[in-house]
Amino acid sequence: MPVINVKMTHEDGGATLEQKEQLAKGITELFAKTFNGRGASSAVVIIEEVNTDNYAIGGKIVTQIRNEAKK
């Protein structure tokens, strides 16, 4: 059984349920196509939205980077 992890930033309210469903469907279809149909019915897609306060780039919290870019 394939387990596919997707991490993305949670910004501007995050992804909607419909967007997450479309993403999961698309990823599952791509996986099945790539592996000749294997795993399509048992694929698990885990979508994790990461708050921009919880990671950093170059030692700077991403929320700060985003705020500085808006100025």
PDB file of N, CA and C in Angstrom:
ATOM      1  N   MET A   1       0.847  -1.173   0.000  1.00  0.00           N
ATOM      2  CA  MET A   1       0.000   0.000   0.000  1.00  0.00           C
ATOM      3  C   MET A   1       0.893   1.237   0.000  1.00  0.00           C
ATOM      4  N   PRO A   2       0.754   2.095  -0.994  1.00  0.00           N
ATOM      5  CA  PRO A   2       1.545   3.318  -1.007  1.00  0.00           C
ATOM      6  C   PRO A   2       1.017   4.345  -0.007  1.00  0.00           C
ATOM      7  N   VAL A   3       1.938   5.003   0.655  1.00  0.00           N
ATOM      8  CA  VAL A   3       1.604   6.111   1.547  1.00  0.00           C
ATOM      9  C   VAL A   3       2.333   7.327   0.998  1.00  0.00           C
ATOM     10  N   ILE A   4       1.576   8.328   0.604  1.00  0.00           N
ATOM     11  CA  ILE A   4       2.127   9.513  -0.043  1.00  0.00           C
ATOM     12  C   ILE A   4       1.906  10.702   0.878  1.00  0.00           C
ATOM     13  N   ASN A   5       2.995  11.337   1.288  1.00  0.00           N
ATOM     14  CA  ASN A   5       2.919  12.493   2.180  1.00  0.00           C
ATOM     15  C   ASN A   5       3.088  13.778   1.389  1.00  0.00           C
ATOM     16  N   VAL A   6       2.195  14.719   1.632  1.00  0.00           N
ATOM     17  CA  VAL A   6       2.265  16.029   1.000  1.00  0.00           C
ATOM     18  C   VAL A   6       2.344  17.059   2.123  1.00  0.00           C
ATOM     19  N   LYS A   7       3.382  17.880   2.095  1.00  0.00           N
ATOM     20  CA  LYS A   7       3.490  18.978   3.055  1.00  0.00           C
ATOM     21  C   LYS A   7       3.396  20.273   2.276  1.00  0.00           C
ATOM     22  N   MET A   8       2.593  21.182   2.790  1.00  0.00           N
ATOM     23  CA  MET A   8       2.425  22.481   2.145  1.00  0.00           C
ATOM     24  C   MET A   8       2.178  23.533   3.207  1.00  0.00           C
ATOM     25  N   THR A   9       2.431  24.773   2.859  1.00  0.00           N
ATOM     26  CA  THR A   9       2.231  25.831   3.846  1.00  0.00           C
ATOM     27  C   THR A   9       0.751  26.116   4.046  1.00  0.00           C
ATOM     28  N   HIS A  10       0.425  26.470   5.257  1.00  0.00           N
ATOM     29  CA  HIS A  10      -0.940  26.872   5.609  1.00  0.00           C
ATOM     30  C   HIS A  10      -0.942  28.396   5.631  1.00  0.00           C
ATOM     31  N   GLU A  11      -1.380  28.987   4.534  1.00  0.00           N
ATOM     32  CA  GLU A  11      -1.397  30.444   4.420  1.00  0.00           C
ATOM     33  C   GLU A  11      -2.753  30.882   3.895  1.00  0.00           C
ATOM     34  N   ASP A  12      -3.157  32.063   4.272  1.00  0.00           N
ATOM     35  CA  ASP A  12      -4.415  32.641   3.798  1.00  0.00           C
ATOM     36  C   ASP A  12      -5.600  31.702   3.996  1.00  0.00           C
ATOM     37  N   GLY A  13      -5.661  31.068   5.137  1.00  0.00           N
ATOM     38  CA  GLY A  13      -6.773  30.175   5.447  1.00  0.00           C
ATOM     39  C   GLY A  13      -6.554  28.730   5.050  1.00  0.00           C
ATOM     40  N   GLY A  14      -5.479  28.453   4.349  1.00  0.00           N
ATOM     41  CA  GLY A  14      -5.164  27.073   3.966  1.00  0.00           C
ATOM     42  C   GLY A  14      -5.996  26.574   2.802  1.00  0.00           C
ATOM     43  N   ALA A  15      -5.764  25.336   2.444  1.00  0.00           N
ATOM     44  CA  ALA A  15      -6.492  24.709   1.342  1.00  0.00           C
ATOM     45  C   ALA A  15      -7.905  24.349   1.784  1.00  0.00           C
ATOM     46  N   THR A  16      -8.835  24.446   0.870  1.00  0.00           N
ATOM     47  CA  THR A  16     -10.213  24.053   1.167  1.00  0.00           C
ATOM     48  C   THR A  16     -10.322  22.527   1.106  1.00  0.00           C
ATOM     49  N   LEU A  17     -11.399  21.996   1.636  1.00  0.00           N
ATOM     50  CA  LEU A  17     -11.644  20.562   1.575  1.00  0.00           C
ATOM     51  C   LEU A  17     -11.704  20.097   0.121  1.00  0.00           C
ATOM     52  N   GLU A  18     -12.350  20.891  -0.719  1.00  0.00           N
ATOM     53  CA  GLU A  18     -12.445  20.544  -2.146  1.00  0.00           C
ATOM     54  C   GLU A  18     -11.056  20.500  -2.792  1.00  0.00           C
ATOM     55  N   GLN A  19     -10.201  21.454  -2.473  1.00  0.00           N
ATOM     56  CA  GLN A  19      -8.845  21.457  -3.029  1.00  0.00           C
ATOM     57  C   GLN A  19      -8.060  20.235  -2.564  1.00  0.00           C
ATOM     58  N   LYS A  20      -8.221  19.883  -1.293  1.00  0.00           N
ATOM     59  CA  LYS A  20      -7.524  18.704  -0.769  1.00  0.00           C
ATOM     60  C   LYS A  20      -8.027  17.427  -1.442  1.00  0.00           C
ATOM     61  N   GLU A  21      -9.325  17.350  -1.677  1.00  0.00           N
ATOM     62  CA  GLU A  21      -9.883  16.177  -2.370  1.00  0.00           C
ATOM     63  C   GLU A  21      -9.337  16.084  -3.789  1.00  0.00           C
ATOM     64  N   GLN A  22      -9.277  17.215  -4.496  1.00  0.00           N
ATOM     65  CA  GLN A  22      -8.736  17.226  -5.851  1.00  0.00           C
ATOM     66  C   GLN A  22      -7.260  16.839  -5.860  1.00  0.00           C
ATOM     67  N   LEU A  23      -6.513  17.343  -4.894  1.00  0.00           N
ATOM     68  CA  LEU A  23      -5.096  17.015  -4.784  1.00  0.00           C
ATOM     69  C   LEU A  23      -4.899  15.525  -4.541  1.00  0.00           C
ATOM     70  N   ALA A  24      -5.647  14.976  -3.597  1.00  0.00           N
ATOM     71  CA  ALA A  24      -5.535  13.546  -3.288  1.00  0.00           C
ATOM     72  C   ALA A  24      -5.897  12.688  -4.496  1.00  0.00           C
ATOM     73  N   LYS A  25      -6.950  13.075  -5.197  1.00  0.00           N
ATOM     74  CA  LYS A  25      -7.367  12.326  -6.384  1.00  0.00           C
ATOM     75  C   LYS A  25      -6.294  12.385  -7.468  1.00  0.00           C
ATOM     76  N   GLY A  26      -5.780  13.582  -7.722  1.00  0.00           N
ATOM     77  CA  GLY A  26      -4.762  13.757  -8.752  1.00  0.00           C
ATOM     78  C   GLY A  26      -3.477  13.006  -8.444  1.00  0.00           C
ATOM     79  N   ILE A  27      -3.046  13.063  -7.196  1.00  0.00           N
ATOM     80  CA  ILE A  27      -1.825  12.349  -6.797  1.00  0.00           C
ATOM     81  C   ILE A  27      -2.022  10.849  -6.919  1.00  0.00           C
ATOM     82  N   THR A  28      -3.177  10.371  -6.498  1.00  0.00           N
ATOM     83  CA  THR A  28      -3.467   8.936  -6.602  1.00  0.00           C
ATOM     84  C   THR A  28      -3.473   8.491  -8.054  1.00  0.00           C
ATOM     85  N   GLU A  29      -4.104   9.280  -8.923  1.00  0.00           N
ATOM     86  CA  GLU A  29      -4.144   8.940 -10.349  1.00  0.00           C
ATOM     87  C   GLU A  29      -2.741   8.931 -10.953  1.00  0.00           C
ATOM     88  N   LEU A  30      -1.919   9.909 -10.597  1.00  0.00           N
ATOM     89  CA  LEU A  30      -0.555   9.963 -11.107  1.00  0.00           C
ATOM     90  C   LEU A  30       0.260   8.770 -10.625  1.00  0.00           C
ATOM     91  N   PHE A  31       0.103   8.414  -9.359  1.00  0.00           N
ATOM     92  CA  PHE A  31       0.809   7.258  -8.813  1.00  0.00           C
ATOM     93  C   PHE A  31       0.424   5.998  -9.584  1.00  0.00           C
ATOM     94  N   ALA A  32      -0.873   5.802  -9.770  1.00  0.00           N
ATOM     95  CA  ALA A  32      -1.353   4.616 -10.472  1.00  0.00           C
ATOM     96  C   ALA A  32      -0.847   4.587 -11.914  1.00  0.00           C
ATOM     97  N   LYS A  33      -0.859   5.742 -12.565  1.00  0.00           N
ATOM     98  CA  LYS A  33      -0.377   5.814 -13.949  1.00  0.00           C
ATOM     99  C   LYS A  33       1.112   5.482 -14.011  1.00  0.00           C
ATOM    100  N   THR A  34       1.880   6.028 -13.093  1.00  0.00           N
ATOM    101  CA  THR A  34       3.322   5.813 -13.067  1.00  0.00           C
ATOM    102  C   THR A  34       3.670   4.357 -12.790  1.00  0.00           C
ATOM    103  N   PHE A  35       2.877   3.703 -11.955  1.00  0.00           N
ATOM    104  CA  PHE A  35       3.167   2.325 -11.559  1.00  0.00           C
ATOM    105  C   PHE A  35       2.188   1.329 -12.179  1.00  0.00           C
ATOM    106  N   ASN A  36       1.715   1.648 -13.386  1.00  0.00           N
ATOM    107  CA  ASN A  36       0.871   0.732 -14.163  1.00  0.00           C
ATOM    108  C   ASN A  36      -0.355   0.239 -13.398  1.00  0.00           C
ATOM    109  N   GLY A  37      -1.037   1.149 -12.734  1.00  0.00           N
ATOM    110  CA  GLY A  37      -2.288   0.812 -12.065  1.00  0.00           C
ATOM    111  C   GLY A  37      -2.150   0.279 -10.659  1.00  0.00           C
ATOM    112  N   ARG A  38      -0.942  -0.025 -10.249  1.00  0.00           N
ATOM    113  CA  ARG A  38      -0.761  -0.569  -8.891  1.00  0.00           C
ATOM    114  C   ARG A  38      -1.007   0.501  -7.834  1.00  0.00           C
ATOM    115  N   GLY A  39      -1.668   0.120  -6.784  1.00  0.00           N
ATOM    116  CA  GLY A  39      -1.830   0.987  -5.629  1.00  0.00           C
ATOM    117  C   GLY A  39      -2.970   1.981  -5.675  1.00  0.00           C
ATOM    118  N   ALA A  40      -3.668   2.070  -6.791  1.00  0.00           N
ATOM    119  CA  ALA A  40      -4.709   3.094  -6.906  1.00  0.00           C
ATOM    120  C   ALA A  40      -5.806   2.926  -5.863  1.00  0.00           C
ATOM    121  N   SER A  41      -6.209   1.711  -5.605  1.00  0.00           N
ATOM    122  CA  SER A  41      -7.331   1.500  -4.682  1.00  0.00           C
ATOM    123  C   SER A  41      -6.902   1.527  -3.220  1.00  0.00           C
ATOM    124  N   SER A  42      -5.596   1.434  -2.971  1.00  0.00           N
ATOM    125  CA  SER A  42      -5.154   1.390  -1.576  1.00  0.00           C
ATOM    126  C   SER A  42      -4.236   2.551  -1.202  1.00  0.00           C
ATOM    127  N   ALA A  43      -4.062   3.493  -2.117  1.00  0.00           N
ATOM    128  CA  ALA A  43      -3.158   4.613  -1.850  1.00  0.00           C
ATOM    129  C   ALA A  43      -3.675   5.484  -0.714  1.00  0.00           C
ATOM    130  N   VAL A  44      -2.789   5.791   0.198  1.00  0.00           N
ATOM    131  CA  VAL A  44      -3.097   6.695   1.303  1.00  0.00           C
ATOM    132  C   VAL A  44      -2.366   8.004   1.020  1.00  0.00           C
ATOM    133  N   VAL A  45      -3.102   9.106   0.992  1.00  0.00           N
ATOM    134  CA  VAL A  45      -2.496  10.418   0.794  1.00  0.00           C
ATOM    135  C   VAL A  45      -2.685  11.205   2.085  1.00  0.00           C
ATOM    136  N   ILE A  46      -1.573  11.633   2.660  1.00  0.00           N
ATOM    137  CA  ILE A  46      -1.603  12.419   3.890  1.00  0.00           C
ATOM    138  C   ILE A  46      -1.213  13.845   3.534  1.00  0.00           C
ATOM    139  N   ILE A  47      -2.108  14.783   3.809  1.00  0.00           N
ATOM    140  CA  ILE A  47      -1.852  16.188   3.517  1.00  0.00           C
ATOM    141  C   ILE A  47      -1.630  16.911   4.838  1.00  0.00           C
ATOM    142  N   GLU A  48      -0.455  17.483   4.958  1.00  0.00           N
ATOM    143  CA  GLU A  48      -0.111  18.198   6.184  1.00  0.00           C
ATOM    144  C   GLU A  48       0.151  19.659   5.842  1.00  0.00           C
ATOM    145  N   GLU A  49      -0.623  20.532   6.450  1.00  0.00           N
ATOM    146  CA  GLU A  49      -0.413  21.964   6.259  1.00  0.00           C
ATOM    147  C   GLU A  49       0.430  22.484   7.424  1.00  0.00           C
ATOM    148  N   VAL A  50       1.523  23.126   7.077  1.00  0.00           N
ATOM    149  CA  VAL A  50       2.469  23.613   8.067  1.00  0.00           C
ATOM    150  C   VAL A  50       2.316  25.123   8.207  1.00  0.00           C
ATOM    151  N   ASN A  51       2.054  25.565   9.425  1.00  0.00           N
ATOM    152  CA  ASN A  51       1.932  26.995   9.694  1.00  0.00           C
ATOM    153  C   ASN A  51       3.278  27.667   9.459  1.00  0.00           C
ATOM    154  N   THR A  52       3.262  28.843   8.866  1.00  0.00           N
ATOM    155  CA  THR A  52       4.518  29.528   8.548  1.00  0.00           C
ATOM    156  C   THR A  52       5.305  29.952   9.793  1.00  0.00           C
ATOM    157  N   ASP A  53       4.680  29.902  10.958  1.00  0.00           N
ATOM    158  CA  ASP A  53       5.405  30.147  12.210  1.00  0.00           C
ATOM    159  C   ASP A  53       6.268  28.948  12.602  1.00  0.00           C
ATOM    160  N   ASN A  54       6.043  27.805  11.968  1.00  0.00           N
ATOM    161  CA  ASN A  54       6.679  26.559  12.401  1.00  0.00           C
ATOM    162  C   ASN A  54       7.818  26.079  11.529  1.00  0.00           C
ATOM    163  N   TYR A  55       8.314  26.927  10.626  1.00  0.00           N
ATOM    164  CA  TYR A  55       9.527  26.560   9.912  1.00  0.00           C
ATOM    165  C   TYR A  55      10.274  27.812   9.482  1.00  0.00           C
ATOM    166  N   ALA A  56      11.542  27.615   9.200  1.00  0.00           N
ATOM    167  CA  ALA A  56      12.415  28.742   8.889  1.00  0.00           C
ATOM    168  C   ALA A  56      13.238  28.438   7.645  1.00  0.00           C
ATOM    169  N   ILE A  57      13.627  29.494   6.963  1.00  0.00           N
ATOM    170  CA  ILE A  57      14.528  29.401   5.822  1.00  0.00           C
ATOM    171  C   ILE A  57      15.701  30.325   6.116  1.00  0.00           C
ATOM    172  N   GLY A  58      16.884  29.803   6.064  1.00  0.00           N
ATOM    173  CA  GLY A  58      18.062  30.633   6.335  1.00  0.00           C
ATOM    174  C   GLY A  58      18.069  31.211   7.738  1.00  0.00           C
ATOM    175  N   GLY A  59      17.467  30.497   8.679  1.00  0.00           N
ATOM    176  CA  GLY A  59      17.447  30.950  10.067  1.00  0.00           C
ATOM    177  C   GLY A  59      16.371  31.965  10.392  1.00  0.00           C
ATOM    178  N   LYS A  60      15.512  32.260   9.426  1.00  0.00           N
ATOM    179  CA  LYS A  60      14.460  33.251   9.641  1.00  0.00           C
ATOM    180  C   LYS A  60      13.098  32.577   9.533  1.00  0.00           C
ATOM    181  N   ILE A  61      12.213  32.827  10.497  1.00  0.00           N
ATOM    182  CA  ILE A  61      10.869  32.264  10.480  1.00  0.00           C
ATOM    183  C   ILE A  61      10.145  32.764   9.221  1.00  0.00           C
ATOM    184  N   VAL A  62       9.467  31.854   8.540  1.00  0.00           N
ATOM    185  CA  VAL A  62       8.838  32.174   7.262  1.00  0.00           C
ATOM    186  C   VAL A  62       7.773  33.261   7.394  1.00  0.00           C
ATOM    187  N   THR A  63       7.076  33.313   8.502  1.00  0.00           N
ATOM    188  CA  THR A  63       6.097  34.388   8.716  1.00  0.00           C
ATOM    189  C   THR A  63       6.783  35.746   8.605  1.00  0.00           C
ATOM    190  N   GLN A  64       7.975  35.863   9.184  1.00  0.00           N
ATOM    191  CA  GLN A  64       8.728  37.111   9.100  1.00  0.00           C
ATOM    192  C   GLN A  64       9.112  37.409   7.649  1.00  0.00           C
ATOM    193  N   ILE A  65       9.561  36.390   6.944  1.00  0.00           N
ATOM    194  CA  ILE A  65       9.947  36.574   5.544  1.00  0.00           C
ATOM    195  C   ILE A  65       8.763  37.071   4.730  1.00  0.00           C
ATOM    196  N   ARG A  66       7.590  36.448   4.936  1.00  0.00           N
ATOM    197  CA  ARG A  66       6.387  36.857   4.202  1.00  0.00           C
ATOM    198  C   ARG A  66       6.007  38.302   4.537  1.00  0.00           C
ATOM    199  N   ASN A  67       6.074  38.659   5.821  1.00  0.00           N
ATOM    200  CA  ASN A  67       5.715  40.023   6.236  1.00  0.00           C
ATOM    201  C   ASN A  67       6.675  41.063   5.652  1.00  0.00           C
ATOM    202  N   GLU A  68       7.952  40.736   5.611  1.00  0.00           N
ATOM    203  CA  GLU A  68       8.936  41.656   5.042  1.00  0.00           C
ATOM    204  C   GLU A  68       8.717  41.826   3.539  1.00  0.00           C
ATOM    205  N   ALA A  69       8.291  40.779   2.880  1.00  0.00           N
ATOM    206  CA  ALA A  69       8.066  40.841   1.426  1.00  0.00           C
ATOM    207  C   ALA A  69       6.860  41.716   1.094  1.00  0.00           C
ATOM    208  N   LYS A  70       5.915  41.832   2.020  1.00  0.00           N
ATOM    209  CA  LYS A  70       4.707  42.640   1.789  1.00  0.00           C
ATOM    210  C   LYS A  70       4.986  44.130   1.921  1.00  0.00           C
ATOM    211  N   LYS A  71       6.074  44.481   2.577  1.00  0.00           N
ATOM    212  CA  LYS A  71       6.379  45.902   2.831  1.00  0.00           C
ATOM    213  C   LYS A  71       6.870  46.604   1.598  1.00  0.00           C
TER     214      LYS A  71
END
